[in-house]
C-alpha atoms as a PDB file:
ATOM      1  CA  UNK A   1    -169.531 -43.294-102.033  1.00  0.00           C
ATOM      2  CA  UNK A   2    -172.111 -46.136-101.967  1.00  0.00           C
ATOM      3  CA  UNK A   3    -170.165 -47.732-105.175  1.00  0.00           C
ATOM      4  CA  UNK A   4    -166.393 -47.489-103.652  1.00  0.00           C
ATOM      5  CA  UNK A   5    -167.633 -48.923-100.469  1.00  0.00           C
ATOM      6  CA  UNK A   6    -169.363 -51.899-102.151  1.00  0.00           C
ATOM      7  CA  UNK A   7    -166.315 -52.311-104.039  1.00  0.00           C
ATOM      8  CA  UNK A   8    -163.914 -52.201-101.219  1.00  0.00           C
ATOM      9  CA  UNK A   9    -166.361 -55.180 -99.389  1.00  0.00           C
ATOM     10  CA  UNK A  10    -165.956 -56.857-102.525  1.00  0.00           C
ATOM     11  CA  UNK A  11    -162.167 -56.909-102.452  1.00  0.00           C
ATOM     12  CA  UNK A  12    -161.819 -57.990 -99.137  1.00  0.00           C
ATOM     13  CA  UNK A  13    -164.413 -60.719 -99.354  1.00  0.00           C
ATOM     14  CA  UNK A  14    -162.860 -62.037-102.761  1.00  0.00           C
ATOM     15  CA  UNK A  15    -159.331 -63.100-101.015  1.00  0.00           C
ATOM     16  CA  UNK A  16    -161.454 -64.848 -98.410  1.00  0.00           C
ATOM     17  CA  UNK A  17    -163.529 -66.936-100.764  1.00  0.00           C
ATOM     18  CA  UNK A  18    -160.259 -67.732-102.386  1.00  0.00           C
ATOM     19  CA  UNK A  19    -158.776 -69.126 -99.252  1.00  0.00           C
ATOM     20  CA  UNK A  20    -162.163 -71.375 -98.404  1.00  0.00           C
ATOM     21  CA  UNK A  21    -161.895 -72.982-101.912  1.00  0.00           C
ATOM     22  CA  UNK A  22    -158.381 -73.685-101.799  1.00  0.00           C
ATOM     23  CA  UNK A  23    -158.936 -75.276 -98.059  1.00  0.00           C
ATOM     24  CA  UNK A  24    -162.202 -77.299 -99.462  1.00  0.00           C
ATOM     25  CA  UNK A  25    -160.054 -78.365-102.476  1.00  0.00           C
ATOM     26  CA  UNK A  26    -156.885 -79.302 -99.889  1.00  0.00           C
ATOM     27  CA  UNK A  27    -159.427 -81.118 -97.674  1.00  0.00           C
ATOM     28  CA  UNK A  28    -160.785 -83.153-100.898  1.00  0.00           C
ATOM     29  CA  UNK A  29    -157.384 -84.030-101.901  1.00  0.00           C
ATOM     30  CA  UNK A  30    -156.396 -85.228 -98.539  1.00  0.00           C
ATOM     31  CA  UNK A  31    -159.397 -87.443 -98.305  1.00  0.00           C
ATOM     32  CA  UNK A  32    -158.666 -88.761-101.637  1.00  0.00           C
ATOM     33  CA  UNK A  33    -155.353 -89.545-100.543  1.00  0.00           C
ATOM     34  CA  UNK A  34    -156.290 -91.336 -97.417  1.00  0.00           C
ATOM     35  CA  UNK A  35    -158.730 -93.582 -99.876  1.00  0.00           C
ATOM     36  CA  UNK A  36    -156.036 -94.108-101.765  1.00  0.00           C
ATOM     37  CA  UNK A  37    -153.528 -95.385 -99.374  1.00  0.00           C
ATOM     38  CA  UNK A  38    -156.005 -97.473 -97.653  1.00  0.00           C
ATOM     39  CA  UNK A  39    -157.291 -99.003-101.127  1.00  0.00           C
ATOM     40  CA  UNK A  40    -153.500 -99.947-101.438  1.00  0.00           C
ATOM     41  CA  UNK A  41    -153.323-101.119 -97.892  1.00  0.00           C
ATOM     42  CA  UNK A  42    -156.561-103.643 -98.666  1.00  0.00           C
ATOM     43  CA  UNK A  43    -154.918-104.700-101.727  1.00  0.00           C
ATOM     44  CA  UNK A  44    -151.872-105.841 -99.984  1.00  0.00           C
ATOM     45  CA  UNK A  45    -153.915-107.594 -97.460  1.00  0.00           C
ATOM     46  CA  UNK A  46    -155.631-109.367-100.324  1.00  0.00           C
ATOM     47  CA  UNK A  47    -152.244-110.417-101.439  1.00  0.00           C
ATOM     48  CA  UNK A  48    -151.082-111.725 -98.298  1.00  0.00           C
ATOM     49  CA  UNK A  49    -154.156-113.845 -96.835  1.00  0.00           C
ATOM     50  CA  UNK A  50    -153.304-116.778 -99.028  1.00  0.00           C
ATOM     51  CA  UNK A  51    -149.615-117.041 -97.794  1.00  0.00           C
ATOM     52  CA  UNK A  52    -150.483-116.059 -94.062  1.00  0.00           C
ATOM     53  CA  UNK A  53    -153.177-119.061 -93.837  1.00  0.00           C
ATOM     54  CA  UNK A  54    -150.812-121.442 -95.037  1.00  0.00           C
ATOM     55  CA  UNK A  55    -147.881-120.213 -92.768  1.00  0.00           C
ATOM     56  CA  UNK A  56    -150.489-120.536 -89.685  1.00  0.00           C
ATOM     57  CA  UNK A  57    -151.554-123.660 -91.170  1.00  0.00           C
ATOM     58  CA  UNK A  58    -148.379-125.690 -90.535  1.00  0.00           C
ATOM     59  CA  UNK A  59    -147.980-124.957 -86.650  1.00  0.00           C
ATOM     60  CA  UNK A  60    -151.861-125.545 -86.153  1.00  0.00           C
ATOM     61  CA  UNK A  61    -151.181-128.807 -87.837  1.00  0.00           C
ATOM     62  CA  UNK A  62    -148.241-129.467 -85.141  1.00  0.00           C
ATOM     63  CA  UNK A  63    -150.284-128.270 -82.197  1.00  0.00           C
ATOM     64  CA  UNK A  64    -152.953-130.684 -83.356  1.00  0.00           C
ATOM     65  CA  UNK A  65    -150.811-133.639 -83.858  1.00  0.00           C
ATOM     66  CA  UNK A  66    -149.203-133.157 -80.263  1.00  0.00           C
ATOM     67  CA  UNK A  67    -152.681-132.680 -78.784  1.00  0.00           C
ATOM     68  CA  UNK A  68    -153.831-135.751 -80.148  1.00  0.00           C
ATOM     69  CA  UNK A  69    -150.720-137.740 -79.113  1.00  0.00           C
ATOM     70  CA  UNK A  70    -151.360-136.333 -75.413  1.00  0.00           C
ATOM     71  CA  UNK A  71    -155.335-137.480 -75.708  1.00  0.00           C
ATOM     72  CA  UNK A  72    -154.464-140.513 -76.879  1.00  0.00           C
ATOM     73  CA  UNK A  73    -151.927-141.729 -74.067  1.00  0.00           C
ATOM     74  CA  UNK A  74    -154.396-140.750 -71.722  1.00  0.00           C
ATOM     75  CA  UNK A  75    -157.207-142.470 -73.167  1.00  0.00           C
ATOM     76  CA  UNK A  76    -154.843-145.743 -73.143  1.00  0.00           C
ATOM     77  CA  UNK A  77    -153.838-145.258 -69.553  1.00  0.00           C
ATOM     78  CA  UNK A  78    -150.134-145.180 -70.676  1.00  0.00           C
ATOM     79  CA  UNK A  79    -147.829-143.893 -68.010  1.00  0.00           C
ATOM     80  CA  UNK A  80    -145.991-140.293 -68.885  1.00  0.00           C
ATOM     81  CA  UNK A  81    -142.717-139.899 -69.413  1.00  0.00           C
ATOM     82  CA  UNK A  82    -142.088-136.533 -67.842  1.00  0.00           C
ATOM     83  CA  UNK A  83    -139.237-135.551 -70.321  1.00  0.00           C
ATOM     84  CA  UNK A  84    -141.394-136.803 -73.514  1.00  0.00           C
ATOM     85  CA  UNK A  85    -144.253-134.940 -72.044  1.00  0.00           C
ATOM     86  CA  UNK A  86    -142.291-131.654 -71.521  1.00  0.00           C
ATOM     87  CA  UNK A  87    -141.150-132.012 -74.995  1.00  0.00           C
ATOM     88  CA  UNK A  88    -144.473-132.074 -76.481  1.00  0.00           C
ATOM     89  CA  UNK A  89    -145.694-129.083 -74.316  1.00  0.00           C
ATOM     90  CA  UNK A  90    -142.688-127.243 -75.624  1.00  0.00           C
ATOM     91  CA  UNK A  91    -143.565-128.072 -79.144  1.00  0.00           C
ATOM     92  CA  UNK A  92    -147.052-127.058 -78.768  1.00  0.00           C
ATOM     93  CA  UNK A  93    -145.823-123.677 -77.149  1.00  0.00           C
ATOM     94  CA  UNK A  94    -143.439-122.873 -79.682  1.00  0.00           C
ATOM     95  CA  UNK A  95    -146.431-123.498 -82.904  1.00  0.00           C
ATOM     96  CA  UNK A  96    -148.698-121.503 -80.399  1.00  0.00           C
ATOM     97  CA  UNK A  97    -146.286-118.706 -80.316  1.00  0.00           C
ATOM     98  CA  UNK A  98    -145.304-118.695 -83.945  1.00  0.00           C
ATOM     99  CA  UNK A  99    -149.021-118.303 -84.671  1.00  0.00           C
ATOM    100  CA  UNK A 100    -149.386-115.423 -82.112  1.00  0.00           C
ATOM    101  CA  UNK A 101    -146.278-113.592 -84.161  1.00  0.00           C
ATOM    102  CA  UNK A 102    -147.650-114.214 -87.428  1.00  0.00           C
ATOM    103  CA  UNK A 103    -151.320-112.697 -86.544  1.00  0.00           C
ATOM    104  CA  UNK A 104    -149.710-109.702 -84.691  1.00  0.00           C
ATOM    105  CA  UNK A 105    -147.733-108.736 -87.736  1.00  0.00           C
ATOM    106  CA  UNK A 106    -150.742-109.002 -89.942  1.00  0.00           C
ATOM    107  CA  UNK A 107    -153.031-107.068 -87.112  1.00  0.00           C
ATOM    108  CA  UNK A 108    -150.116-104.420 -87.025  1.00  0.00           C
ATOM    109  CA  UNK A 109    -149.530-104.110 -91.064  1.00  0.00           C
ATOM    110  CA  UNK A 110    -153.717-103.663 -91.794  1.00  0.00           C
ATOM    111  CA  UNK A 111    -153.878-100.830 -88.588  1.00  0.00           C
ATOM    112  CA  UNK A 112    -154.952 -97.846 -90.386  1.00  0.00           C
ATOM    113  CA  UNK A 113    -152.680 -94.853 -90.286  1.00  0.00           C
ATOM    114  CA  UNK A 114    -153.676 -92.378 -87.689  1.00  0.00           C
ATOM    115  CA  UNK A 115    -150.789 -89.724 -89.561  1.00  0.00           C
ATOM    116  CA  UNK A 116    -149.329 -89.617 -86.307  1.00  0.00           C
ATOM    117  CA  UNK A 117    -145.501 -89.568 -86.643  1.00  0.00           C
ATOM    118  CA  UNK A 118    -143.281 -91.092 -83.963  1.00  0.00           C
ATOM    119  CA  UNK A 119    -140.011 -92.830 -83.170  1.00  0.00           C
ATOM    120  CA  UNK A 120    -139.908 -95.888 -85.140  1.00  0.00           C
ATOM    121  CA  UNK A 121    -137.427 -98.325 -85.608  1.00  0.00           C
ATOM    122  CA  UNK A 122    -136.666 -99.078 -89.724  1.00  0.00           C
ATOM    123  CA  UNK A 123    -135.154-102.548 -88.784  1.00  0.00           C
ATOM    124  CA  UNK A 124    -137.939-103.534 -86.698  1.00  0.00           C
ATOM    125  CA  UNK A 125    -140.842-102.629 -89.349  1.00  0.00           C
ATOM    126  CA  UNK A 126    -138.827-103.952 -92.289  1.00  0.00           C
ATOM    127  CA  UNK A 127    -138.554-107.128 -90.095  1.00  0.00           C
ATOM    128  CA  UNK A 128    -142.403-106.919 -89.341  1.00  0.00           C
ATOM    129  CA  UNK A 129    -143.049-106.793 -92.978  1.00  0.00           C
ATOM    130  CA  UNK A 130    -140.618-109.940 -94.044  1.00  0.00           C
ATOM    131  CA  UNK A 131    -142.492-111.873 -91.501  1.00  0.00           C
ATOM    132  CA  UNK A 132    -145.484-111.687 -93.138  1.00  0.00           C
ATOM    133  CA  UNK A 133    -144.416-111.990 -96.993  1.00  0.00           C
ATOM    134  CA  UNK A 134    -141.137-114.380 -96.382  1.00  0.00           C
ATOM    135  CA  UNK A 135    -142.851-117.559 -96.965  1.00  0.00           C
ATOM    136  CA  UNK A 136    -145.279-116.698 -99.389  1.00  0.00           C
ATOM    137  CA  UNK A 137    -142.084-115.283-101.620  1.00  0.00           C
ATOM    138  CA  UNK A 138    -139.877-118.346-100.733  1.00  0.00           C
ATOM    139  CA  UNK A 139    -142.633-120.482-102.705  1.00  0.00           C
ATOM    140  CA  UNK A 140    -141.589-118.843-105.666  1.00  0.00           C
ATOM    141  CA  UNK A 141    -137.840-120.189-104.879  1.00  0.00           C
ATOM    142  CA  UNK A 142    -137.010-116.354-104.000  1.00  0.00           C
ATOM    143  CA  UNK A 143    -134.239-116.104-101.162  1.00  0.00           C
ATOM    144  CA  UNK A 144    -134.425-113.066 -99.029  1.00  0.00           C
ATOM    145  CA  UNK A 145    -130.918-112.031 -97.613  1.00  0.00           C
ATOM    146  CA  UNK A 146    -130.987-109.570 -94.458  1.00  0.00           C
ATOM    147  CA  UNK A 147    -128.363-107.349 -93.509  1.00  0.00           C
ATOM    148  CA  UNK A 148    -129.002-104.924 -91.011  1.00  0.00           C
ATOM    149  CA  UNK A 149    -127.029-102.400 -89.258  1.00  0.00           C
ATOM    150  CA  UNK A 150    -126.820-103.066 -85.364  1.00  0.00           C
ATOM    151  CA  UNK A 151    -126.249 -99.370 -84.705  1.00  0.00           C
ATOM    152  CA  UNK A 152    -129.131 -98.086 -86.190  1.00  0.00           C
ATOM    153  CA  UNK A 153    -131.069 -94.834 -84.853  1.00  0.00           C
ATOM    154  CA  UNK A 154    -134.385 -94.334 -84.661  1.00  0.00           C
ATOM    155  CA  UNK A 155    -136.646 -92.569 -87.411  1.00  0.00           C
ATOM    156  CA  UNK A 156    -139.470 -89.972 -86.941  1.00  0.00           C
ATOM    157  CA  UNK A 157    -142.176 -91.780 -88.876  1.00  0.00           C
ATOM    158  CA  UNK A 158    -145.427 -92.975 -89.309  1.00  0.00           C
ATOM    159  CA  UNK A 159    -144.932 -96.934 -89.152  1.00  0.00           C
ATOM    160  CA  UNK A 160    -147.891 -97.859 -90.946  1.00  0.00           C
ATOM    161  CA  UNK A 161    -146.873 -95.707 -93.809  1.00  0.00           C
ATOM    162  CA  UNK A 162    -143.597 -96.877 -93.942  1.00  0.00           C
ATOM    163  CA  UNK A 163    -144.480-100.371 -93.778  1.00  0.00           C
ATOM    164  CA  UNK A 164    -146.749-100.058 -96.892  1.00  0.00           C
ATOM    165  CA  UNK A 165    -143.543 -98.619 -98.917  1.00  0.00           C
ATOM    166  CA  UNK A 166    -141.282-101.639 -97.486  1.00  0.00           C
ATOM    167  CA  UNK A 167    -144.096-103.800 -98.896  1.00  0.00           C
ATOM    168  CA  UNK A 168    -144.905-102.599-102.161  1.00  0.00           C
ATOM    169  CA  UNK A 169    -141.026-102.293-102.921  1.00  0.00           C
ATOM    170  CA  UNK A 170    -140.436-106.105-102.124  1.00  0.00           C
ATOM    171  CA  UNK A 171    -143.746-107.383-103.799  1.00  0.00           C
ATOM    172  CA  UNK A 172    -142.412-105.848-107.064  1.00  0.00           C
ATOM    173  CA  UNK A 173    -138.987-107.219-106.929  1.00  0.00           C
ATOM    174  CA  UNK A 174    -140.610-110.582-106.494  1.00  0.00           C
ATOM    175  CA  UNK A 175    -142.704-109.912-109.653  1.00  0.00           C
ATOM    176  CA  UNK A 176    -139.642-108.863-111.466  1.00  0.00           C
ATOM    177  CA  UNK A 177    -137.695-112.230-110.410  1.00  0.00           C
ATOM    178  CA  UNK A 178    -140.479-114.494-111.445  1.00  0.00           C
ATOM    179  CA  UNK A 179    -141.022-112.239-114.543  1.00  0.00           C
ATOM    180  CA  UNK A 180    -137.256-112.985-115.287  1.00  0.00           C
ATOM    181  CA  UNK A 181    -136.840-116.709-114.517  1.00  0.00           C
ATOM    182  CA  UNK A 182    -140.058-118.161-114.165  1.00  0.00           C
ATOM    183  CA  UNK A 183    -139.534-121.352-111.515  1.00  0.00           C
ATOM    184  CA  UNK A 184    -135.649-120.731-111.203  1.00  0.00           C
ATOM    185  CA  UNK A 185    -136.162-117.898-108.547  1.00  0.00           C
ATOM    186  CA  UNK A 186    -133.470-115.361-107.227  1.00  0.00           C
ATOM    187  CA  UNK A 187    -132.517-113.110-104.722  1.00  0.00           C
ATOM    188  CA  UNK A 188    -133.801-109.872-103.023  1.00  0.00           C
ATOM    189  CA  UNK A 189    -131.304-108.177-100.872  1.00  0.00           C
ATOM    190  CA  UNK A 190    -132.563-106.148 -97.789  1.00  0.00           C
ATOM    191  CA  UNK A 191    -130.043-103.846 -96.063  1.00  0.00           C
ATOM    192  CA  UNK A 192    -130.376-101.200 -93.665  1.00  0.00           C
ATOM    193  CA  UNK A 193    -127.462 -98.726 -92.879  1.00  0.00           C
ATOM    194  CA  UNK A 194    -126.507 -95.543 -91.101  1.00  0.00           C
ATOM    195  CA  UNK A 195    -124.273 -92.353 -92.322  1.00  0.00           C
ATOM    196  CA  UNK A 196    -123.429 -91.135 -88.971  1.00  0.00           C
ATOM    197  CA  UNK A 197    -121.622 -88.346 -90.720  1.00  0.00           C
ATOM    198  CA  UNK A 198    -125.298 -86.889 -92.405  1.00  0.00           C
ATOM    199  CA  UNK A 199    -127.529 -88.311 -89.948  1.00  0.00           C
ATOM    200  CA  UNK A 200    -129.108 -90.193 -92.670  1.00  0.00           C
ATOM    201  CA  UNK A 201    -130.670 -94.063 -92.168  1.00  0.00           C
ATOM    202  CA  UNK A 202    -131.049 -96.005 -95.336  1.00  0.00           C
ATOM    203  CA  UNK A 203    -133.228 -99.025 -96.322  1.00  0.00           C
ATOM    204  CA  UNK A 204    -131.773-100.716 -99.596  1.00  0.00           C
ATOM    205  CA  UNK A 205    -134.114-103.245-101.551  1.00  0.00           C
ATOM    206  CA  UNK A 206    -131.936-104.968-104.315  1.00  0.00           C
ATOM    207  CA  UNK A 207    -133.527-107.804-106.814  1.00  0.00           C
ATOM    208  CA  UNK A 208    -132.300-110.117-109.518  1.00  0.00           C
ATOM    209  CA  UNK A 209    -135.130-109.410-111.612  1.00  0.00           C
ATOM    210  CA  UNK A 210    -135.753-108.204-115.206  1.00  0.00           C
ATOM    211  CA  UNK A 211    -134.702-104.823-114.456  1.00  0.00           C
ATOM    212  CA  UNK A 212    -136.003-101.458-115.707  1.00  0.00           C
ATOM    213  CA  UNK A 213    -135.274 -99.886-118.992  1.00  0.00           C
ATOM    214  CA  UNK A 214    -133.809 -96.388-118.920  1.00  0.00           C
ATOM    215  CA  UNK A 215    -136.754 -94.731-120.704  1.00  0.00           C
ATOM    216  CA  UNK A 216    -139.159 -96.670-118.290  1.00  0.00           C
ATOM    217  CA  UNK A 217    -136.522 -95.463-115.263  1.00  0.00           C
ATOM    218  CA  UNK A 218    -137.880 -92.214-115.468  1.00  0.00           C
ATOM    219  CA  UNK A 219    -141.407 -92.567-115.242  1.00  0.00           C
ATOM    220  CA  UNK A 220    -141.754 -95.426-112.365  1.00  0.00           C
ATOM    221  CA  UNK A 221    -142.792 -92.942-109.857  1.00  0.00           C
ATOM    222  CA  UNK A 222    -145.502 -91.125-112.130  1.00  0.00           C
ATOM    223  CA  UNK A 223    -149.531 -91.959-111.148  1.00  0.00           C
ATOM    224  CA  UNK A 224    -150.780 -94.836-113.083  1.00  0.00           C
ATOM    225  CA  UNK A 225    -147.704 -95.739-114.895  1.00  0.00           C
ATOM    226  CA  UNK A 226    -146.962 -99.448-115.083  1.00  0.00           C
ATOM    227  CA  UNK A 227    -144.737-102.148-116.909  1.00  0.00           C
ATOM    228  CA  UNK A 228    -147.056-104.754-115.758  1.00  0.00           C
ATOM    229  CA  UNK A 229    -149.665-106.388-117.820  1.00  0.00           C
ATOM    230  CA  UNK A 230    -153.370-105.315-117.432  1.00  0.00           C
ATOM    231  CA  UNK A 231    -155.056-106.766-114.346  1.00  0.00           C
ATOM    232  CA  UNK A 232    -151.230-106.988-112.626  1.00  0.00           C
ATOM    233  CA  UNK A 233    -150.764-103.533-111.502  1.00  0.00           C
ATOM    234  CA  UNK A 234    -152.651-100.039-111.070  1.00  0.00           C
ATOM    235  CA  UNK A 235    -149.551 -98.129-111.380  1.00  0.00           C
ATOM    236  CA  UNK A 236    -150.011 -96.569-108.344  1.00  0.00           C
ATOM    237  CA  UNK A 237    -147.913 -98.468-105.660  1.00  0.00           C
ATOM    238  CA  UNK A 238    -144.630 -96.640-106.474  1.00  0.00           C
ATOM    239  CA  UNK A 239    -146.519 -93.162-106.790  1.00  0.00           C
ATOM    240  CA  UNK A 240    -147.797 -93.615-103.370  1.00  0.00           C
ATOM    241  CA  UNK A 241    -144.496 -94.968-101.699  1.00  0.00           C
ATOM    242  CA  UNK A 242    -142.578 -92.046-103.267  1.00  0.00           C
ATOM    243  CA  UNK A 243    -145.022 -89.461-101.797  1.00  0.00           C
ATOM    244  CA  UNK A 244    -145.221 -91.163 -98.239  1.00  0.00           C
ATOM    245  CA  UNK A 245    -141.127 -90.948 -97.981  1.00  0.00           C
ATOM    246  CA  UNK A 246    -141.438 -87.126 -99.678  1.00  0.00           C
ATOM    247  CA  UNK A 247    -143.759 -86.770 -96.544  1.00  0.00           C
ATOM    248  CA  UNK A 248    -141.228 -87.802 -94.117  1.00  0.00           C
ATOM    249  CA  UNK A 249    -138.980 -85.583 -95.753  1.00  0.00           C
ATOM    250  CA  UNK A 250    -136.771 -88.520 -96.974  1.00  0.00           C
ATOM    251  CA  UNK A 251    -135.714 -89.468-100.561  1.00  0.00           C
ATOM    252  CA  UNK A 252    -136.275 -92.830-102.772  1.00  0.00           C
ATOM    253  CA  UNK A 253    -133.728 -93.673-105.281  1.00  0.00           C
ATOM    254  CA  UNK A 254    -133.702 -96.077-107.848  1.00  0.00           C
ATOM    255  CA  UNK A 255    -130.873 -97.812-109.810  1.00  0.00           C
ATOM    256  CA  UNK A 256    -131.454-100.448-112.447  1.00  0.00           C
ATOM    257  CA  UNK A 257    -129.988-102.628-115.322  1.00  0.00           C
ATOM    258  CA  UNK A 258    -132.200-104.357-117.932  1.00  0.00           C
ATOM    259  CA  UNK A 259    -131.870-108.067-117.380  1.00  0.00           C
ATOM    260  CA  UNK A 260    -129.580-107.928-114.048  1.00  0.00           C
ATOM    261  CA  UNK A 261    -131.875-106.314-111.487  1.00  0.00           C
ATOM    262  CA  UNK A 262    -133.028-103.191-109.637  1.00  0.00           C
ATOM    263  CA  UNK A 263    -132.201-101.442-106.247  1.00  0.00           C
ATOM    264  CA  UNK A 264    -134.784 -99.053-104.154  1.00  0.00           C
ATOM    265  CA  UNK A 265    -132.999 -96.919-101.631  1.00  0.00           C
ATOM    266  CA  UNK A 266    -135.030 -95.191 -99.008  1.00  0.00           C
ATOM    267  CA  UNK A 267    -133.253 -92.428 -97.128  1.00  0.00           C
ATOM    268  CA  UNK A 268    -134.915 -90.840 -94.192  1.00  0.00           C
ATOM    269  CA  UNK A 269    -133.178 -88.210 -91.725  1.00  0.00           C
ATOM    270  CA  UNK A 270    -132.368 -90.129 -88.058  1.00  0.00           C
ATOM    271  CA  UNK A 271    -133.605 -88.853 -84.950  1.00  0.00           C
ATOM    272  CA  UNK A 272    -130.297 -89.115 -83.261  1.00  0.00           C
ATOM    273  CA  UNK A 273    -129.559 -86.146 -81.789  1.00  0.00           C
ATOM    274  CA  UNK A 274    -126.105 -84.200 -82.652  1.00  0.00           C
END
């Protein structure tokens, strides 16, 4: 009797222990995933720092020049031309607003994801990413062409994670163009569209870069797989992007031709009601 009773207790407690181990393993996996995402975010911010500083420096220089002009006019007791003074103030305001927009975009991008899904405009978050990186990319003679659908409904998602995906794909596009053309530049086409029949929104990012071989095309979403030289990539960006889109019940597709370029297409369900 005693032996049978102990066996029954053991049989009951075994599934509970397995469940606890599985829960612990899941929590550790989730924690590692969050750390990877944050590491990727920090790397992205590091890449942005130089370009953002340069872009802020230009309007700040304009502000300083205009302030010095006003100061000099006051010190020399020169009469103010009201219209000219309004122009100077307008230029100062415009430059200050530009700085504010850049810093707000950077703060928004660097914010840690809370893992909360809410209604998001794909057009707006894409614009925020472009505002941050367009200047840096333009220094490589790369033009970003924007084609945003006007009738885009919102999607349910985590804006911070979606921005990370968009950023990584555009940075990869910039790298692919640089490797193909050196200083000749190229084009990145960023396009959104809405499929009202299937209730899907799409974001397509195309480049005129070196392209991806058919052999590598099947592996680009694998963790730690990269075609970049040592020190230029971790091989985690696209893997993280794939998992982020998957967590949004979406899909990410890629088409490429060696020597001609690559297109990434992100497809998400719209939050529009039928």
